[in-house]
Amino acid sequence: MARPLRIAAVVAAIVVLWLPASSMYTLQQGQETLVIRLGAPIGVDDHPGLKFKLPLVDSVQYYDGRLQTLAPPPEEVILGDEKRLEVETYTRYRIADPLLFYQSVRTEEQARVQLEQLVSTSLRRELGKVKIQELLSPERGRIVSQIKQEVAQHALLLGVQVAEVRLHRADLPLETSQAIYARMRSARQQEASELRAQGAEWAQQIRAKADSERTIILSQAQRRSDILHGQADAQANQVMADAFRTDPGFYKFYRSLQTYGGALADSGATLVLSPDAAVLHDFENGPPAAKP
């Protein structure tokens, strides 16, 4: 009998220790609890502290009552102008009604899945009505606000309050970006080729105009030079004629010297002449005396 009594005592001690532990639970700051009795929710509590429940009858479902962030992976969306965008969103939400939340989605993981579907559906619906230019304009704020309103309205049916829905990033797909870059590069290269061709044409026109002006200037300069040379020759001839009339002998002597200078300019350093050479006559006798 001693052994069964000891076993019963141990079991009784375990029950005595377990009953208080199973009848108490702690609610942390920022948490909300839903007490479920035999599968039926009976109450919601959001005040932190030590709480009590019926052991073996009541169970407690904990929920985070603070703002949470939902940031799903980027998804491809087709716009109203058939452009494709990779859009990344983030959503700020909190569990506003734990009882409705438990009845509709049960767990927070399931709630995140349904909320992600709501955001995706609203995003595709609204962006499918607009063009890419509108997303780059102040109209973007209205579009995002409309998405937020739709998501918040449907999320209330899940016991979730949506505080914010934003477009974190909206980029063209990599293939589209590369194709657009290639087209832009081709357009710039074509524009550069046109500018180079136009510049070459302008350069040719400028050179042709410069050559024409150069020819005209040279022609005018040559004409002016010929006129000045003619005038100079006429003045020189006049001077010569005046000198000849004044002193024919000296003029003849001067002309002889010019002739000698021209003849001897191309000769060597040494010139051999006979004493009676006519060339030496003027050097020996000098210019003829002027007649009184």
Protein backbone atom coordinates (compact mmCIF):
# COMPACT_ATOMS: atom_id res chain seq x y z
CA MET A 1 0.00 0.00 0.00
CA ALA A 2 2.92 2.32 0.62
CA ARG A 3 3.95 2.42 -3.04
CA PRO A 4 0.49 3.33 -4.44
CA LEU A 5 0.19 6.02 -1.79
CA ARG A 6 3.50 7.51 -2.83
CA ILE A 7 2.48 7.51 -6.46
CA ALA A 8 -0.81 9.15 -5.62
CA ALA A 9 1.00 11.76 -3.55
CA VAL A 10 3.37 12.55 -6.42
CA VAL A 11 0.46 12.84 -8.85
CA ALA A 12 -1.44 15.05 -6.44
CA ALA A 13 1.62 17.27 -6.02
CA ILE A 14 2.03 17.54 -9.78
CA VAL A 15 -1.63 18.45 -10.19
CA VAL A 16 -1.38 21.04 -7.44
CA LEU A 17 1.64 22.63 -9.11
CA TRP A 18 0.24 22.37 -12.63
CA LEU A 19 -3.22 23.82 -11.91
CA PRO A 20 -1.96 27.32 -10.94
CA ALA A 21 0.53 27.35 -13.82
CA SER A 22 -2.09 26.32 -16.37
CA SER A 23 -4.62 28.81 -15.04
CA MET A 24 -2.33 31.84 -15.41
CA TYR A 25 -0.78 33.56 -18.41
CA THR A 26 1.09 36.84 -19.00
CA LEU A 27 0.08 39.51 -21.48
CA GLN A 28 3.02 41.64 -22.70
CA GLN A 29 2.90 45.29 -23.72
CA GLY A 30 1.73 45.61 -27.34
CA GLN A 31 0.07 42.18 -27.35
CA GLU A 32 -3.59 41.26 -27.58
CA THR A 33 -5.11 37.95 -26.49
CA LEU A 34 -8.23 36.09 -27.45
CA VAL A 35 -9.51 33.61 -24.85
CA ILE A 36 -11.08 30.54 -26.43
CA ARG A 37 -13.24 28.24 -24.32
CA LEU A 38 -13.90 24.82 -25.78
CA GLY A 39 -13.26 26.20 -29.29
CA ALA A 40 -15.49 29.27 -28.91
CA PRO A 41 -13.96 32.76 -28.44
CA ILE A 42 -15.22 34.38 -25.24
CA GLY A 43 -13.19 37.55 -24.78
CA VAL A 44 -10.45 39.89 -25.95
CA ASP A 45 -7.87 41.48 -23.68
CA ASP A 46 -5.26 44.10 -24.54
CA HIS A 47 -4.18 45.22 -21.05
CA PRO A 48 -0.73 43.91 -20.11
CA GLY A 49 -0.26 41.98 -16.90
CA LEU A 50 -0.90 38.62 -15.24
CA LYS A 51 -4.17 36.99 -16.40
CA PHE A 52 -6.19 33.93 -15.35
CA LYS A 53 -8.08 31.27 -17.31
CA LEU A 54 -9.72 27.93 -16.71
CA PRO A 55 -7.24 25.09 -17.05
CA LEU A 56 -8.01 22.40 -19.62
CA VAL A 57 -10.99 24.44 -20.79
CA ASP A 58 -9.61 27.78 -21.93
CA SER A 59 -6.86 28.39 -24.46
CA VAL A 60 -5.22 31.72 -25.30
CA GLN A 61 -4.40 33.02 -28.75
CA TYR A 62 -1.76 35.77 -28.80
CA TYR A 63 -1.67 38.53 -31.43
CA ASP A 64 0.74 41.41 -31.98
CA GLY A 65 -1.25 44.65 -31.67
CA ARG A 66 1.53 46.90 -32.95
CA LEU A 67 1.99 48.22 -36.48
CA GLN A 68 3.52 45.59 -38.74
CA THR A 69 5.10 45.81 -42.18
CA LEU A 70 4.25 43.70 -45.19
CA ALA A 71 6.89 43.86 -47.94
CA PRO A 72 6.18 41.23 -50.62
CA PRO A 73 8.60 40.48 -53.46
CA PRO A 74 8.45 42.70 -56.59
CA GLU A 75 5.78 41.78 -59.11
CA GLU A 76 5.35 42.64 -62.78
CA VAL A 77 2.35 44.83 -63.58
CA ILE A 78 0.97 45.81 -67.00
CA LEU A 79 -0.03 49.47 -67.23
CA GLY A 80 -2.85 51.00 -69.23
CA ASP A 81 -0.47 51.83 -72.10
CA GLU A 82 0.77 48.20 -72.25
CA LYS A 83 4.03 49.10 -70.54
CA ARG A 84 5.39 46.60 -68.03
CA LEU A 85 6.70 47.64 -64.62
CA GLU A 86 8.31 45.76 -61.77
CA VAL A 87 6.56 47.20 -58.71
CA GLU A 88 7.61 46.69 -55.11
CA THR A 89 5.17 47.76 -52.38
CA TYR A 90 5.15 47.92 -48.62
CA THR A 91 2.10 47.99 -46.36
CA ARG A 92 1.77 49.07 -42.73
CA TYR A 93 -1.06 47.40 -40.83
CA ARG A 94 -2.22 46.29 -37.39
CA ILE A 95 -4.74 43.79 -35.99
CA ALA A 96 -7.70 46.00 -35.03
CA ASP A 97 -10.28 43.32 -34.12
CA PRO A 98 -8.75 40.11 -32.72
CA LEU A 99 -12.13 38.32 -32.60
CA LEU A 100 -12.93 39.05 -36.25
CA PHE A 101 -9.31 38.32 -37.13
CA TYR A 102 -9.55 34.89 -35.50
CA GLN A 103 -12.87 34.11 -37.14
CA SER A 104 -11.68 35.13 -40.64
CA VAL A 105 -8.02 34.14 -40.93
CA ARG A 106 -7.05 32.49 -37.59
CA THR A 107 -3.27 33.04 -37.86
CA GLU A 108 -1.08 36.02 -38.64
CA GLU A 109 0.69 34.10 -41.40
CA GLN A 110 -2.61 33.46 -43.18
CA ALA A 111 -3.52 37.12 -42.69
CA ARG A 112 -0.27 38.22 -44.38
CA VAL A 113 -1.01 35.94 -47.33
CA GLN A 114 -4.51 37.35 -47.81
CA LEU A 115 -3.36 40.93 -47.28
CA GLU A 116 -0.63 40.42 -49.88
CA GLN A 117 -3.29 39.18 -52.34
CA LEU A 118 -5.47 42.22 -51.61
CA VAL A 119 -2.57 44.62 -52.28
CA SER A 120 -1.61 42.80 -55.49
CA THR A 121 -5.19 42.77 -56.79
CA SER A 122 -5.77 46.46 -56.07
CA LEU A 123 -2.35 47.36 -57.47
CA ARG A 124 -2.99 45.59 -60.76
CA ARG A 125 -6.51 47.05 -61.03
CA GLU A 126 -5.45 50.65 -60.49
CA LEU A 127 -2.19 50.60 -62.45
CA GLY A 128 -3.97 48.87 -65.33
CA LYS A 129 -5.94 52.10 -65.82
CA VAL A 130 -3.05 54.56 -66.02
CA LYS A 131 -0.09 55.30 -68.25
CA ILE A 132 3.53 55.42 -67.21
CA GLN A 133 3.59 59.22 -67.55
CA GLU A 134 0.98 59.49 -64.79
CA LEU A 135 3.20 57.55 -62.38
CA LEU A 136 5.92 60.13 -62.99
CA SER A 137 3.60 63.05 -62.24
CA PRO A 138 1.77 64.36 -59.13
CA GLU A 139 -1.06 62.03 -60.19
CA ARG A 140 0.93 59.23 -58.57
CA GLY A 141 -0.22 60.32 -55.10
CA ARG A 142 -3.87 59.94 -56.05
CA ILE A 143 -3.26 56.48 -57.54
CA VAL A 144 -1.45 55.24 -54.41
CA SER A 145 -4.19 56.72 -52.20
CA GLN A 146 -6.85 54.86 -54.20
CA ILE A 147 -4.93 51.59 -53.80
CA LYS A 148 -4.66 52.18 -50.05
CA GLN A 149 -8.39 52.88 -49.71
CA GLU A 150 -9.36 49.70 -51.56
CA VAL A 151 -6.97 47.53 -49.54
CA ALA A 152 -8.05 49.12 -46.24
CA GLN A 153 -11.74 48.59 -47.05
CA HIS A 154 -11.31 44.89 -47.75
CA ALA A 155 -8.85 44.38 -44.88
CA LEU A 156 -11.42 45.58 -42.34
CA LEU A 157 -13.40 42.42 -43.11
CA LEU A 158 -10.38 40.48 -41.83
CA GLY A 159 -10.12 42.48 -38.62
CA VAL A 160 -7.05 44.31 -39.97
CA GLN A 161 -6.57 48.06 -40.06
CA VAL A 162 -4.32 49.24 -42.92
CA ALA A 163 -2.43 52.42 -42.05
CA GLU A 164 -0.34 52.85 -45.19
CA VAL A 165 0.29 51.41 -48.64
CA ARG A 166 3.23 52.76 -50.61
CA LEU A 167 5.10 52.06 -53.83
CA HIS A 168 8.60 51.33 -52.63
CA ARG A 169 10.00 50.92 -56.13
CA ALA A 170 8.64 50.96 -59.69
CA ASP A 171 11.17 50.10 -62.40
CA LEU A 172 11.05 48.82 -65.92
CA PRO A 173 11.99 45.13 -66.31
CA LEU A 174 15.63 44.50 -67.11
CA GLU A 175 14.90 43.39 -70.68
CA THR A 176 12.72 46.43 -71.31
CA SER A 177 15.31 48.77 -69.78
CA GLN A 178 18.03 47.30 -71.99
CA ALA A 179 15.83 47.62 -75.09
CA ILE A 180 14.98 51.24 -74.24
CA TYR A 181 18.66 51.97 -73.59
CA ALA A 182 19.60 50.40 -76.93
CA ARG A 183 16.97 52.52 -78.73
CA MET A 184 18.12 55.66 -76.96
CA ARG A 185 21.74 54.89 -77.82
CA SER A 186 20.84 54.24 -81.47
CA ALA A 187 18.83 57.49 -81.60
CA ARG A 188 21.74 59.46 -80.09
CA GLN A 189 24.21 57.86 -82.49
CA GLN A 190 21.95 58.72 -85.43
CA GLU A 191 21.59 62.27 -84.14
CA ALA A 192 25.38 62.51 -83.73
CA SER A 193 25.91 61.23 -87.29
CA GLU A 194 23.45 63.80 -88.62
CA LEU A 195 25.18 66.57 -86.70
CA ARG A 196 28.59 65.42 -87.98
CA ALA A 197 27.29 65.33 -91.56
CA GLN A 198 25.73 68.76 -91.15
CA GLY A 199 28.95 70.06 -89.62
CA ALA A 200 30.99 68.61 -92.49
CA GLU A 201 28.62 70.27 -94.98
CA TRP A 202 28.91 73.60 -93.18
CA ALA A 203 32.70 73.23 -93.06
CA GLN A 204 32.80 72.54 -96.80
CA GLN A 205 30.61 75.58 -97.47
CA ILE A 206 32.81 77.76 -95.25
CA ARG A 207 35.97 76.49 -96.97
CA ALA A 208 34.45 77.05 -100.41
CA LYS A 209 33.40 80.57 -99.42
CA ALA A 210 36.85 81.24 -97.97
CA ASP A 211 38.55 79.94 -101.14
CA SER A 212 36.29 82.12 -103.27
CA GLU A 213 36.99 85.19 -101.13
CA ARG A 214 40.72 84.34 -101.20
CA THR A 215 40.66 84.15 -104.99
CA ILE A 216 38.83 87.47 -105.22
CA ILE A 217 41.20 89.12 -102.73
CA LEU A 218 44.28 87.79 -104.56
CA SER A 219 42.84 88.87 -107.89
CA GLN A 220 42.13 92.35 -106.56
CA ALA A 221 45.57 92.51 -104.95
CA GLN A 222 47.23 91.38 -108.17
CA ARG A 223 45.27 93.97 -110.14
CA ARG A 224 46.21 96.65 -107.66
CA SER A 225 49.84 95.49 -107.78
CA ASP A 226 49.88 95.62 -111.57
CA ILE A 227 48.42 99.12 -111.47
CA LEU A 228 51.02 100.27 -108.94
CA HIS A 229 53.80 98.61 -110.91
CA GLY A 230 52.58 100.33 -114.07
CA GLN A 231 52.39 103.67 -112.30
CA ALA A 232 55.88 103.11 -110.81
CA ASP A 233 57.29 102.12 -114.22
CA ALA A 234 55.70 105.20 -115.76
CA GLN A 235 57.21 107.41 -113.05
CA ALA A 236 60.58 105.67 -113.47
CA ASN A 237 60.48 106.17 -117.22
CA GLN A 238 59.54 109.80 -116.67
CA VAL A 239 62.48 110.23 -114.30
CA MET A 240 64.76 108.56 -116.84
CA ALA A 241 63.44 110.74 -119.61
CA ASP A 242 63.96 113.85 -117.49
CA ALA A 243 67.48 112.69 -116.62
CA PHE A 244 68.26 112.03 -120.29
CA ARG A 245 67.06 115.46 -121.29
CA THR A 246 69.07 117.06 -118.49
CA ASP A 247 72.38 115.19 -119.06
CA PRO A 248 72.43 112.65 -121.89
CA GLY A 249 76.06 111.68 -121.18
CA PHE A 250 75.46 110.86 -117.53
CA TYR A 251 72.30 108.99 -118.44
CA LYS A 252 74.26 106.92 -120.96
CA PHE A 253 76.93 106.29 -118.32
CA TYR A 254 74.33 105.21 -115.74
CA ARG A 255 72.70 102.85 -118.19
CA SER A 256 76.11 101.37 -119.02
CA LEU A 257 76.73 100.68 -115.35
CA GLN A 258 73.36 98.94 -115.10
CA THR A 259 74.27 96.84 -118.12
CA TYR A 260 77.66 95.97 -116.63
CA GLY A 261 76.09 95.10 -113.32
CA GLY A 262 73.63 92.76 -115.00
CA ALA A 263 76.32 91.18 -117.16
CA LEU A 264 78.85 90.71 -114.38
CA ALA A 265 76.39 89.50 -111.77
CA ASP A 266 76.43 85.93 -113.07
CA SER A 267 80.21 85.77 -113.72
CA GLY A 268 82.81 84.17 -111.46
CA ALA A 269 85.00 85.83 -108.87
CA THR A 270 87.71 86.50 -111.53
CA LEU A 271 87.14 88.14 -114.92
CA VAL A 272 89.99 88.34 -117.48
CA LEU A 273 89.75 91.26 -119.96
CA SER A 274 92.13 92.86 -122.44
CA PRO A 275 93.32 96.38 -121.61
CA ASP A 276 91.49 97.91 -124.56
CA ALA A 277 88.15 96.27 -123.75
CA ALA A 278 85.22 98.61 -124.10
CA VAL A 279 84.00 97.55 -120.69
CA LEU A 280 87.00 99.17 -119.03
CA HIS A 281 86.59 102.46 -120.89
CA ASP A 282 84.06 103.92 -118.53
CA PHE A 283 85.90 102.64 -115.46
CA GLU A 284 89.12 104.33 -116.65
CA ASN A 285 87.69 107.59 -117.93
CA GLY A 286 84.58 107.98 -115.77
CA PRO A 287 81.44 109.68 -116.97
CA PRO A 288 81.71 112.21 -119.80
CA ALA A 289 81.83 115.77 -118.67
CA ALA A 290 78.58 117.58 -118.78
CA LYS A 291 78.32 120.21 -121.45
CA PRO A 292 78.07 123.73 -120.17
